[in-house]
Amino acid sequence: MSAVKLSWMALTVAVLVTSVSALNILLTNDDSWASANVRATYSALKSDGHDVILVGPAVQQSGKGGTVVFPTVNITAPGGEFGSIPVGAPFFGKAVDDPNIFYFNGTPAATALFALDVVIPQFWDNKTINLVVSGPNEGQNNGPFLYTLSGTIGAAYASIERGVPAIALSAGNSTHRSFTTNTGQADDPANIAGRLSANLVAALASGFDGVSRLLPLGVGLGVNFPIFGPGSNCSAPPFTLTRMTGGATIDKVSINATTGFPQFADFIAPGLNTVHSGSPILPGETPISAGCQTSLHLMPLFGKTQLTAQT
């Protein structure tokens, strides 16, 4: 069992660091290459000086987990998400206005692997990727149950399994929207998510020497942002070190008395909240991100990484 020790104070200070070392970043997601969140994050990371390539699914691919499905045909009806790709277009292509933004008609994990093995070697000078950033997802992915279902997380842990450090980011604002709807204002939820994501990357990149790993081999970070933006008093939620368990929920199924069809409700189950990864002294990410705080937990592949907090 490996041990990773993070200081609460060091984490807080690191997120406020303004001197950033530039990284080569692969940005992906599961809500499609045309989602507001991923494009705002692309802009925020680029504005911080990072070299970023965005390779996202052609269409919405939420809930795919780590499923790997590669395309066997070109883009079919109704086309790319939000009308971003015409019917009949190739299964893989790039934006007309930015040579570093690509789509791929596969699941999120397949998209990440295609980016690492094909796009970057052939279209991005085979640069060494220092970090994979997946998201921010449109909606939170708290707890072990959603860990297995989320395409955002699936793309991240596929990258981690390949040996590349990765972060899975999920935002409380769950509206599925195109990047063309971005208001351009600082309080647009997509821009807040993008800036918070870039701040976390800045913390990891601080002092980067271009050689060392940003995270230990086989370990990533899982992040859940709260709801923020217009109509909310939350605009700068602090990062809080958490564990995946503790208040985590799974579906509990019943029959709707009116429709006669199955329905589900959140259920805090004991098996789901057994502490196998992370320190039991840390708060659970589900209740933390329900308020105006951003939860951050280690994302070990096999539940064997022990996280302890130093005060």
Protein backbone atom coordinates (compact mmCIF):
# COMPACT_ATOMS: atom_id res chain seq x y z
CA MET A 1 0.00 0.00 0.00
CA SER A 2 1.47 3.31 -1.05
CA ALA A 3 1.09 6.37 1.12
CA VAL A 4 0.52 9.86 -0.20
CA LYS A 5 0.54 12.61 2.40
CA LEU A 6 -0.97 15.98 1.64
CA SER A 7 -0.91 18.89 4.01
CA TRP A 8 -4.14 20.87 4.34
CA MET A 9 -2.15 24.08 4.50
CA ALA A 10 0.10 23.14 1.59
CA LEU A 11 -2.92 22.33 -0.55
CA THR A 12 -4.54 25.67 0.24
CA VAL A 13 -1.37 27.61 -0.48
CA ALA A 14 -0.67 25.64 -3.68
CA VAL A 15 -4.05 26.48 -5.18
CA LEU A 16 -3.24 30.17 -4.72
CA VAL A 17 0.13 29.94 -6.44
CA THR A 18 0.39 32.37 -9.36
CA SER A 19 3.70 31.17 -10.83
CA VAL A 20 2.78 28.35 -13.18
CA SER A 21 5.05 25.94 -15.04
CA ALA A 22 3.72 25.17 -18.51
CA LEU A 23 2.42 21.65 -19.13
CA ASN A 24 1.48 19.61 -22.17
CA ILE A 25 -2.16 18.79 -21.45
CA LEU A 26 -4.65 16.46 -23.10
CA LEU A 27 -8.15 17.78 -22.37
CA THR A 28 -11.16 15.51 -22.87
CA ASN A 29 -14.62 14.87 -21.43
CA ASP A 30 -17.84 12.90 -21.92
CA ASP A 31 -20.32 15.70 -22.71
CA SER A 32 -18.84 16.22 -26.19
CA TRP A 33 -16.17 18.39 -27.71
CA ALA A 34 -18.72 21.20 -28.14
CA SER A 35 -19.80 21.52 -24.49
CA ALA A 36 -19.50 24.87 -22.74
CA ASN A 37 -17.52 23.49 -19.80
CA VAL A 38 -14.75 21.84 -21.78
CA ARG A 39 -14.26 24.81 -24.11
CA ALA A 40 -14.12 27.25 -21.18
CA THR A 41 -11.54 25.03 -19.49
CA TYR A 42 -9.54 24.88 -22.72
CA SER A 43 -9.45 28.68 -22.79
CA ALA A 44 -8.52 28.96 -19.10
CA LEU A 45 -5.67 26.47 -19.40
CA LYS A 46 -4.35 28.16 -22.55
CA SER A 47 -4.50 31.56 -20.86
CA ASP A 48 -2.28 30.18 -18.09
CA GLY A 49 0.37 29.32 -20.66
CA HIS A 50 -0.17 25.58 -21.00
CA ASP A 51 0.09 23.75 -24.32
CA VAL A 52 -3.34 22.12 -24.65
CA ILE A 53 -4.90 19.73 -27.12
CA LEU A 54 -8.63 19.07 -26.79
CA VAL A 55 -9.92 15.71 -28.06
CA GLY A 56 -13.55 15.12 -27.09
CA PRO A 57 -16.36 12.79 -28.12
CA ALA A 58 -18.35 13.87 -31.17
CA VAL A 59 -21.61 13.44 -29.26
CA GLN A 60 -22.81 13.26 -25.66
CA GLN A 61 -21.35 10.11 -24.05
CA SER A 62 -22.38 10.43 -20.40
CA GLY A 63 -22.78 7.29 -18.31
CA LYS A 64 -20.39 5.17 -20.38
CA GLY A 65 -17.92 4.60 -17.54
CA GLY A 66 -14.72 3.00 -18.80
CA THR A 67 -16.40 1.31 -21.78
CA VAL A 68 -14.20 1.38 -24.87
CA VAL A 69 -16.17 1.55 -28.14
CA PHE A 70 -14.44 2.60 -31.34
CA PRO A 71 -16.34 3.86 -34.40
CA THR A 72 -17.03 1.62 -37.39
CA VAL A 73 -18.85 4.26 -39.48
CA ASN A 74 -18.59 7.99 -40.04
CA ILE A 75 -20.85 10.54 -38.33
CA THR A 76 -24.48 9.46 -38.57
CA ALA A 77 -27.72 11.40 -38.07
CA PRO A 78 -28.36 13.72 -36.33
CA GLY A 79 -24.68 14.68 -36.55
CA GLY A 80 -22.30 16.03 -33.91
CA GLU A 81 -23.52 17.43 -30.61
CA PHE A 82 -25.31 20.79 -30.93
CA GLY A 83 -24.99 20.56 -34.72
CA SER A 84 -21.21 20.82 -34.45
CA ILE A 85 -20.46 18.13 -37.08
CA PRO A 86 -22.42 17.44 -40.27
CA VAL A 87 -23.88 14.03 -41.03
CA GLY A 88 -21.45 11.98 -43.09
CA ALA A 89 -18.35 13.72 -41.79
CA PRO A 90 -15.35 11.50 -40.92
CA PHE A 91 -15.37 9.75 -37.54
CA PHE A 92 -12.45 11.98 -36.54
CA GLY A 93 -11.78 15.60 -37.35
CA LYS A 94 -10.78 19.03 -36.10
CA ALA A 95 -12.33 22.43 -35.55
CA VAL A 96 -12.13 24.79 -38.52
CA ASP A 97 -10.97 27.69 -36.33
CA ASP A 98 -8.47 25.95 -34.01
CA PRO A 99 -5.96 23.24 -35.06
CA ASN A 100 -5.71 21.94 -31.48
CA ILE A 101 -9.40 21.04 -31.03
CA PHE A 102 -10.50 17.61 -32.28
CA TYR A 103 -13.55 15.34 -32.12
CA PHE A 104 -13.64 11.53 -32.13
CA ASN A 105 -16.79 9.46 -32.50
CA GLY A 106 -16.15 7.06 -29.62
CA THR A 107 -16.79 6.61 -25.91
CA PRO A 108 -14.82 8.81 -23.48
CA ALA A 109 -12.26 6.11 -22.60
CA ALA A 110 -11.85 5.25 -26.29
CA THR A 111 -11.45 8.96 -27.06
CA ALA A 112 -8.67 9.32 -24.49
CA LEU A 113 -6.85 6.27 -25.84
CA PHE A 114 -7.26 7.40 -29.46
CA ALA A 115 -5.87 10.79 -28.49
CA LEU A 116 -2.83 9.27 -26.77
CA ASP A 117 -2.06 6.73 -29.49
CA VAL A 118 -3.10 8.45 -32.73
CA VAL A 119 -3.90 12.15 -32.45
CA ILE A 120 -0.93 13.27 -30.39
CA PRO A 121 1.73 11.20 -32.28
CA GLN A 122 0.37 12.12 -35.72
CA PHE A 123 -1.09 15.60 -35.30
CA TRP A 124 0.62 17.13 -32.25
CA ASP A 125 4.32 16.42 -32.81
CA ASN A 126 4.20 13.38 -30.50
CA LYS A 127 4.57 15.63 -27.46
CA THR A 128 4.90 14.04 -24.03
CA ILE A 129 1.64 14.50 -22.16
CA ASN A 130 2.23 15.68 -18.60
CA LEU A 131 -1.42 15.62 -17.57
CA VAL A 132 -4.81 14.44 -18.82
CA VAL A 133 -7.69 16.66 -17.70
CA SER A 134 -11.14 15.10 -18.12
CA GLY A 135 -14.14 17.41 -17.78
CA PRO A 136 -15.53 19.40 -16.16
CA ASN A 137 -18.56 17.14 -16.36
CA GLU A 138 -22.05 18.62 -16.49
CA GLY A 139 -23.09 17.38 -13.06
CA GLN A 140 -21.30 15.95 -10.05
CA ASN A 141 -19.86 12.43 -9.87
CA ASN A 142 -19.67 11.87 -6.14
CA GLY A 143 -18.98 8.53 -4.50
CA PRO A 144 -17.94 5.05 -5.68
CA PHE A 145 -21.24 4.29 -7.48
CA LEU A 146 -20.88 7.18 -9.93
CA TYR A 147 -17.13 6.51 -10.10
CA THR A 148 -17.97 3.34 -12.03
CA LEU A 149 -20.63 4.97 -14.22
CA SER A 150 -19.08 8.30 -15.21
CA GLY A 151 -17.59 8.64 -18.68
CA THR A 152 -15.62 11.64 -17.42
CA ILE A 153 -13.98 9.46 -14.79
CA GLY A 154 -13.64 6.57 -17.26
CA ALA A 155 -11.51 8.70 -19.58
CA ALA A 156 -9.36 9.71 -16.62
CA TYR A 157 -8.71 6.23 -15.25
CA ALA A 158 -8.05 4.84 -18.74
CA SER A 159 -5.30 7.46 -18.96
CA ILE A 160 -4.02 6.62 -15.48
CA GLU A 161 -3.86 2.95 -16.44
CA ARG A 162 -1.70 3.97 -19.37
CA GLY A 163 0.66 5.66 -16.93
CA VAL A 164 -0.36 9.27 -17.55
CA PRO A 165 -1.35 11.47 -14.56
CA ALA A 166 -5.00 12.49 -14.83
CA ILE A 167 -7.70 14.56 -13.14
CA ALA A 168 -11.44 13.93 -13.40
CA LEU A 169 -13.45 17.13 -12.88
CA SER A 170 -17.21 17.29 -12.32
CA ALA A 171 -19.31 20.43 -11.86
CA GLY A 172 -22.52 20.81 -9.88
CA ASN A 173 -24.15 22.80 -12.69
CA SER A 174 -25.67 20.05 -14.81
CA THR A 175 -27.16 21.99 -17.74
CA HIS A 176 -26.11 20.44 -21.04
CA ARG A 177 -25.16 23.41 -23.21
CA SER A 178 -23.06 24.36 -26.19
CA PHE A 179 -19.95 26.49 -25.96
CA THR A 180 -21.74 28.94 -28.24
CA THR A 181 -24.08 29.82 -25.33
CA ASN A 182 -21.22 31.03 -23.12
CA THR A 183 -22.03 34.57 -22.02
CA GLY A 184 -18.38 35.55 -21.85
CA GLN A 185 -18.96 36.83 -18.33
CA ALA A 186 -16.84 35.76 -15.36
CA ASP A 187 -19.92 34.47 -13.52
CA ASP A 188 -20.95 32.13 -16.33
CA PRO A 189 -20.90 28.67 -14.64
CA ALA A 190 -18.75 27.27 -17.45
CA ASN A 191 -16.16 30.02 -16.96
CA ILE A 192 -16.12 29.52 -13.19
CA ALA A 193 -15.59 25.78 -13.70
CA GLY A 194 -12.86 26.48 -16.22
CA ARG A 195 -11.02 28.90 -13.97
CA LEU A 196 -11.24 26.62 -10.92
CA SER A 197 -9.95 23.72 -13.03
CA ALA A 198 -7.04 25.82 -14.26
CA ASN A 199 -6.25 26.88 -10.69
CA LEU A 200 -5.95 23.26 -9.62
CA VAL A 201 -3.71 22.48 -12.59
CA ALA A 202 -1.60 25.51 -11.63
CA ALA A 203 -1.15 24.04 -8.16
CA LEU A 204 0.07 20.75 -9.63
CA ALA A 205 2.30 22.52 -12.13
CA SER A 206 3.96 24.80 -9.60
CA GLY A 207 7.68 24.10 -9.68
CA PHE A 208 7.34 21.40 -12.35
CA ASP A 209 10.78 20.55 -13.74
CA GLY A 210 9.58 19.02 -17.00
CA VAL A 211 10.75 15.55 -15.99
CA SER A 212 9.15 14.47 -12.71
CA ARG A 213 5.65 13.03 -12.52
CA LEU A 214 2.88 15.36 -11.37
CA LEU A 215 1.18 12.47 -9.53
CA PRO A 216 2.36 9.03 -8.41
CA LEU A 217 2.06 6.22 -10.94
CA GLY A 218 -1.43 4.69 -10.87
CA VAL A 219 -3.01 7.60 -9.00
CA GLY A 220 -5.22 10.45 -10.19
CA LEU A 221 -7.38 13.16 -8.66
CA GLY A 222 -11.16 13.30 -8.52
CA VAL A 223 -12.77 16.72 -8.13
CA ASN A 224 -16.40 17.73 -7.59
CA PHE A 225 -17.37 21.38 -7.83
CA PRO A 226 -20.55 22.68 -6.15
CA ILE A 227 -23.32 24.59 -7.91
CA PHE A 228 -22.23 28.16 -8.67
CA GLY A 229 -22.88 31.07 -10.98
CA PRO A 230 -25.77 33.54 -11.35
CA GLY A 231 -28.43 33.04 -8.69
CA SER A 232 -25.93 31.41 -6.35
CA ASN A 233 -23.88 32.96 -3.57
CA CYS A 234 -21.08 30.54 -4.41
CA SER A 235 -18.43 31.80 -6.80
CA ALA A 236 -15.08 30.82 -5.25
CA PRO A 237 -15.55 27.44 -3.50
CA PRO A 238 -12.35 26.45 -1.68
CA PHE A 239 -10.72 23.09 -2.35
CA THR A 240 -11.26 20.62 0.49
CA LEU A 241 -9.44 17.30 0.82
CA THR A 242 -12.00 14.48 1.03
CA ARG A 243 -12.55 10.77 0.60
CA MET A 244 -14.94 9.15 -1.86
CA THR A 245 -17.04 7.48 0.83
CA GLY A 246 -19.03 9.10 3.64
CA GLY A 247 -22.54 10.13 2.66
CA ALA A 248 -22.15 8.58 -0.80
CA THR A 249 -25.33 7.36 -2.48
CA ILE A 250 -26.49 4.57 -4.78
CA ASP A 251 -29.85 4.05 -6.48
CA LYS A 252 -32.75 2.52 -4.57
CA VAL A 253 -35.50 1.32 -6.91
CA SER A 254 -39.26 1.32 -6.44
CA ILE A 255 -42.37 1.21 -8.64
CA ASN A 256 -44.09 4.51 -9.33
CA ALA A 257 -47.66 4.20 -8.12
CA THR A 258 -48.96 6.40 -10.93
CA THR A 259 -47.01 5.25 -13.99
CA GLY A 260 -46.31 1.68 -12.95
CA PHE A 261 -42.72 2.02 -14.12
CA PRO A 262 -39.50 1.76 -12.07
CA GLN A 263 -38.13 4.86 -10.42
CA PHE A 264 -35.10 5.47 -8.25
CA ALA A 265 -34.03 7.61 -5.34
CA ASP A 266 -30.66 8.24 -3.72
CA PHE A 267 -29.82 5.79 -0.94
CA ILE A 268 -26.88 6.06 1.48
CA ALA A 269 -25.86 2.40 1.56
CA PRO A 270 -23.46 0.88 4.12
CA GLY A 271 -21.47 -1.21 1.64
CA LEU A 272 -20.90 1.80 -0.57
CA ASN A 273 -19.54 3.83 2.35
CA THR A 274 -17.03 1.33 3.69
CA VAL A 275 -13.62 3.01 3.78
CA HIS A 276 -11.24 1.11 1.50
CA SER A 277 -9.55 4.15 -0.01
CA GLY A 278 -8.72 7.39 1.74
CA SER A 279 -8.44 8.22 5.39
CA PRO A 280 -11.59 7.87 7.54
CA ILE A 281 -10.72 11.16 9.25
CA LEU A 282 -11.42 13.02 6.00
CA PRO A 283 -14.95 14.22 5.22
CA GLY A 284 -16.95 12.58 2.44
CA GLU A 285 -17.00 14.32 -0.93
CA THR A 286 -20.79 14.10 -1.30
CA PRO A 287 -21.74 16.34 1.65
CA ILE A 288 -18.74 18.63 1.08
CA SER A 289 -19.64 19.47 -2.52
CA ALA A 290 -23.29 19.96 -1.54
CA GLY A 291 -22.22 23.27 0.02
CA CYS A 292 -19.93 25.96 -1.33
CA GLN A 293 -16.80 23.79 -1.28
CA THR A 294 -14.92 21.83 -3.93
CA SER A 295 -14.10 18.27 -2.94
CA LEU A 296 -10.78 16.75 -3.98
CA HIS A 297 -9.86 13.11 -3.46
CA LEU A 298 -7.20 10.71 -4.61
CA MET A 299 -8.44 8.42 -7.34
CA PRO A 300 -6.52 5.16 -6.90
CA LEU A 301 -7.15 2.49 -9.51
CA PHE A 302 -7.50 -0.44 -7.18
CA GLY A 303 -8.45 1.09 -3.85
CA LYS A 304 -5.00 0.54 -2.33
CA THR A 305 -3.76 4.10 -1.94
CA GLN A 306 -3.90 5.42 1.60
CA LEU A 307 -4.38 9.16 1.91
CA THR A 308 -3.58 10.84 5.18
CA ALA A 309 -3.90 14.48 6.09
CA GLN A 310 -1.30 16.32 8.11
CA THR A 311 -2.32 19.29 10.22
